[in-house]
Protein backbone atom coordinates (compact mmCIF):
# COMPACT_ATOMS: atom_id res chain seq x y z
CA MET A 1 10.62 7.93 -10.69
CA THR A 2 12.34 9.21 -7.57
CA PRO A 3 9.97 9.07 -4.60
CA VAL A 4 10.69 11.40 -1.70
CA PRO A 5 9.96 10.74 1.99
CA ALA A 6 7.06 13.15 2.44
CA SER A 7 3.57 11.86 3.16
CA PRO A 8 0.46 13.73 2.00
CA ASP A 9 -2.01 14.54 4.75
CA PRO A 10 -5.32 12.71 4.12
CA GLU A 11 -7.15 15.29 6.26
CA SER A 12 -6.40 17.94 3.65
CA GLY A 13 -8.35 15.97 1.05
CA PRO A 14 -7.24 14.76 -2.38
CA PRO A 15 -6.52 17.04 -5.30
CA ALA A 16 -9.57 18.35 -7.15
CA ARG A 17 -8.77 16.59 -10.40
CA PRO A 18 -9.87 13.36 -12.09
CA ALA A 19 -8.00 10.25 -10.97
CA THR A 20 -9.13 7.74 -13.51
CA GLY A 21 -9.76 9.26 -16.92
CA ARG A 22 -12.24 6.39 -17.01
CA ARG A 23 -13.43 4.71 -20.20
CA ARG A 24 -16.21 2.18 -19.77
CA ALA A 25 -16.34 -0.80 -22.08
CA PRO A 26 -19.82 -0.61 -23.66
CA ALA A 27 -19.94 -4.38 -24.29
CA VAL A 28 -19.81 -5.12 -20.54
CA PRO A 29 -22.99 -4.26 -18.62
CA ALA A 30 -22.51 -2.20 -15.47
CA LEU A 31 -22.83 -4.19 -12.28
CA SER A 32 -23.80 -2.00 -9.33
CA VAL A 33 -22.46 -3.38 -6.06
CA GLY A 34 -22.32 -1.38 -2.85
CA CYS A 35 -22.84 2.34 -2.49
CA LEU A 36 -20.99 5.46 -1.44
CA ASP A 37 -22.11 4.91 2.16
CA ASP A 38 -19.87 1.81 2.24
CA VAL A 39 -16.75 3.85 1.45
CA ARG A 40 -14.67 4.65 4.52
CA PRO A 41 -11.02 4.53 5.60
CA GLY A 42 -9.91 0.91 5.53
CA SER A 43 -12.41 -0.23 2.90
CA LEU A 44 -11.44 -1.50 -0.55
CA LEU A 45 -12.51 -0.17 -3.92
CA VAL A 46 -12.43 -3.08 -6.36
CA ALA A 47 -12.43 -2.29 -10.07
CA MET A 48 -15.37 -3.84 -11.88
CA PRO A 49 -15.33 -5.15 -15.48
CA ALA A 50 -16.93 -1.87 -16.64
CA LEU A 51 -13.73 0.00 -15.72
CA SER A 52 -11.41 -0.34 -18.71
CA ASP A 53 -8.95 2.50 -18.11
CA PRO A 54 -5.56 0.70 -17.91
CA THR A 55 -4.51 2.81 -14.94
CA PHE A 56 -7.19 1.22 -12.77
CA ALA A 57 -8.52 -1.83 -14.64
CA GLY A 58 -8.28 -4.91 -12.44
CA THR A 59 -7.07 -2.96 -9.40
CA VAL A 60 -7.86 -2.96 -5.70
CA VAL A 61 -7.59 0.42 -3.94
CA TYR A 62 -7.18 0.73 -0.17
CA VAL A 63 -9.11 3.81 1.02
CA LEU A 64 -7.14 6.15 3.28
CA ASP A 65 -9.60 9.02 3.59
CA HIS A 66 -13.15 9.77 2.49
CA SER A 67 -15.03 12.99 3.19
CA ASP A 68 -16.97 15.80 1.53
CA SER A 69 -13.60 16.99 0.19
CA GLY A 70 -13.13 13.81 -1.83
CA THR A 71 -11.49 10.41 -1.52
CA LEU A 72 -7.87 9.30 -1.29
CA GLY A 73 -6.40 5.80 -1.48
CA VAL A 74 -3.53 3.67 -2.75
CA VAL A 75 -3.54 0.89 -5.32
CA LEU A 76 -2.46 -2.41 -3.76
CA GLY A 77 -0.41 -5.12 -5.41
CA ARG A 78 1.60 -3.08 -7.92
CA PRO A 79 5.29 -3.48 -7.04
CA SER A 80 7.78 -1.30 -8.90
CA GLN A 81 11.47 -1.86 -9.62
CA VAL A 82 12.58 0.85 -7.15
CA GLU A 83 14.23 -0.61 -4.04
CA ILE A 84 13.31 1.03 -0.73
CA ARG A 85 16.91 0.68 0.43
CA ASP A 86 18.02 2.90 -2.45
CA VAL A 87 15.73 5.78 -1.45
CA LEU A 88 14.79 5.31 2.22
CA PRO A 89 17.51 3.02 3.59
CA GLY A 90 16.46 3.50 7.20
CA TRP A 91 13.06 1.93 6.53
CA CYS A 92 14.04 -1.07 4.41
CA ASP A 93 14.40 -3.48 7.34
CA LEU A 94 10.79 -2.83 8.41
CA ALA A 95 9.36 -3.33 4.92
CA VAL A 96 7.76 -6.65 4.01
CA ASP A 97 8.90 -8.54 0.92
CA PRO A 98 9.40 -7.51 -1.75
CA GLY A 99 11.28 -4.51 -0.36
CA VAL A 100 10.32 -2.17 -3.18
CA PHE A 101 8.11 0.85 -3.68
CA HIS A 102 4.58 0.00 -4.79
CA VAL A 103 2.83 2.15 -7.39
CA GLY A 104 0.05 3.74 -5.33
CA GLY A 105 -1.64 5.68 -8.10
CA PRO A 106 -1.25 8.40 -10.73
CA CYS A 107 -1.31 11.42 -8.39
CA GLU A 108 1.99 12.92 -7.19
CA THR A 109 4.10 9.92 -8.15
CA ASP A 110 7.21 11.57 -6.69
CA THR A 111 5.61 11.45 -3.24
CA ALA A 112 6.21 8.55 -0.84
CA LEU A 113 3.40 7.34 1.39
CA CYS A 114 3.87 4.58 3.97
CA LEU A 115 1.28 2.18 5.40
CA ALA A 116 2.06 -0.09 8.33
CA VAL A 117 0.28 -2.63 10.50
CA ALA A 118 0.84 -1.95 14.20
CA PRO A 119 -1.38 -4.02 16.53
CA GLY A 120 -1.93 -2.28 19.84
CA ALA A 121 -0.04 0.87 18.88
CA ALA A 122 -0.64 3.99 20.95
CA ALA A 123 -0.90 6.71 18.31
CA GLY A 124 -0.94 9.89 20.36
CA ALA A 125 -0.65 13.47 19.18
CA ASP A 126 3.15 13.25 19.00
CA SER A 127 3.26 9.78 17.47
CA PRO A 128 4.65 9.23 13.95
CA LEU A 129 1.66 6.93 13.40
CA ARG A 130 -1.78 8.08 12.28
CA ARG A 131 -4.54 5.47 12.35
CA VAL A 132 -6.35 4.79 9.10
CA ALA A 133 -8.55 1.91 10.28
CA GLY A 134 -8.09 -0.83 12.88
CA ASP A 135 -4.41 -1.78 13.07
CA VAL A 136 -3.45 0.02 9.84
CA TYR A 137 -1.57 3.31 10.16
CA LEU A 138 0.03 5.97 8.02
CA VAL A 139 3.68 6.40 9.00
CA ASP A 140 5.57 9.69 9.07
CA LEU A 141 8.66 8.87 7.02
CA ASP A 142 10.51 11.82 8.52
CA SER A 143 10.49 10.06 11.91
CA ASP A 144 13.17 7.71 13.25
CA PRO A 145 12.51 4.09 12.17
CA ALA A 146 14.21 2.84 15.34
CA ASP A 147 11.36 4.30 17.39
CA LEU A 148 8.86 2.01 15.66
CA THR A 149 10.76 -1.26 15.45
CA ASP A 150 8.86 -2.84 18.35
CA GLU A 151 5.44 -1.56 17.25
CA LEU A 152 5.20 -2.52 13.60
CA THR A 153 4.38 -5.90 12.12
CA GLY A 154 5.62 -4.55 8.81
CA LEU A 155 5.11 -1.78 6.29
CA ARG A 156 4.81 -0.98 2.61
CA VAL A 157 5.89 2.23 0.90
CA PHE A 158 3.89 3.60 -2.03
CA ALA A 159 4.88 6.06 -4.73
CA GLY A 160 1.87 8.22 -5.55
CA TYR A 161 -1.79 7.74 -4.72
CA ALA A 162 -5.28 7.77 -6.24
CA GLY A 163 -7.56 10.74 -5.64
CA TRP A 164 -11.19 11.53 -6.43
CA SER A 165 -12.66 15.02 -6.33
CA PRO A 166 -16.03 15.63 -4.57
CA GLY A 167 -18.81 13.69 -6.27
CA GLN A 168 -16.51 11.86 -8.68
CA LEU A 169 -16.36 8.53 -6.86
CA ALA A 170 -20.13 8.56 -6.26
CA MET A 171 -20.67 8.89 -10.00
CA GLU A 172 -18.23 6.08 -10.79
CA ILE A 173 -19.83 3.73 -8.26
CA ALA A 174 -23.29 4.53 -9.65
CA GLU A 175 -22.01 3.69 -13.14
CA GLY A 176 -20.78 0.30 -11.93
CA ALA A 177 -17.06 1.08 -12.18
CA TRP A 178 -16.24 0.14 -8.57
CA ALA A 179 -17.46 -2.19 -5.85
CA CYS A 180 -16.76 -1.25 -2.24
CA VAL A 181 -15.98 -4.10 0.16
CA PRO A 182 -14.45 -4.38 3.66
CA GLY A 183 -10.67 -4.34 3.89
CA ASP A 184 -8.28 -6.23 6.15
CA PRO A 185 -4.75 -5.47 7.43
CA ASP A 186 -3.52 -8.49 5.48
CA ASP A 187 -4.55 -6.69 2.31
CA VAL A 188 -1.90 -4.06 3.03
CA LEU A 189 1.02 -6.33 3.88
CA GLY A 190 0.18 -9.63 2.23
CA ALA A 191 -1.35 -8.47 -1.03
CA PRO A 192 -0.26 -10.57 -4.02
CA ALA A 193 0.40 -8.76 -7.27
CA GLY A 194 -2.14 -7.77 -9.89
CA PRO A 195 -4.88 -10.20 -10.94
CA GLU A 196 -4.22 -12.57 -8.04
CA LEU A 197 -5.15 -9.86 -5.53
CA TRP A 198 -8.28 -8.90 -7.47
CA ARG A 199 -9.47 -12.51 -7.60
CA ALA A 200 -8.62 -13.11 -3.93
CA VAL A 201 -10.63 -10.09 -2.77
CA MET A 202 -13.57 -10.95 -5.04
CA GLY A 203 -13.44 -14.60 -4.02
CA ARG A 204 -13.97 -13.86 -0.33
CA GLN A 205 -17.16 -11.91 -1.08
CA SER A 206 -20.61 -13.38 -1.61
CA GLY A 207 -23.05 -13.48 -4.51
CA ARG A 208 -22.17 -11.82 -7.80
CA LEU A 209 -18.72 -10.67 -6.72
CA ALA A 210 -17.66 -14.21 -5.86
CA VAL A 211 -18.89 -15.38 -9.26
CA LEU A 212 -16.79 -12.70 -10.97
CA SER A 213 -13.67 -14.00 -9.24
CA THR A 214 -13.91 -17.21 -11.27
CA ALA A 215 -14.67 -15.57 -14.61
CA PRO A 216 -12.01 -15.63 -17.35
CA ALA A 217 -10.07 -12.42 -17.92
CA ASP A 218 -11.36 -12.43 -21.51
CA PRO A 219 -15.15 -13.05 -21.56
CA ALA A 220 -14.83 -14.39 -25.13
CA ALA A 221 -12.77 -17.28 -23.72
CA ASN A 222 -15.68 -18.51 -21.63
């Protein structure tokens, strides 16, 4: 994998192709939590037990864009072995630990996409920052990192992204494959890896989602 410093434009919408290749586990009943109206930039899509496709099972996806054209996001908490300094050396000092590319999803895995937290940033028309939600921004990796040193709390760089064509995510949510919950800037920069992130996000919810956070990974072990 050799990511390149070119960020896809969320306003253009995601590719019209399946993102998940989803296979639901028939032994696990679907649990419907949330609805499509809850999906917006900055929210989190949390994989439910019904989602067994290994590409997305146990994942948390940060939503970058959601419209009639589809939905685009990045998987959080999946660090790769590719060092940012080896591909984008100018940005490595602004990246939070670990300073590696994160696997953002199965779409366009040779594309680099950067998310940063920039409290109080003034993202004008000529700014290299484009607000996603709150203090979270997409960063133009073709810009000069020195221009953003004083604005950013930190950043992560993702290789690839997850995309849903129109109507696809609505169907998956209705089938109980995903729960949609509010996101936080700390989810972008401070996300632990893999199952720890999933349990942390579930654990701060209420009701059935909080209960799921304490369930064993293998229901037969309970």
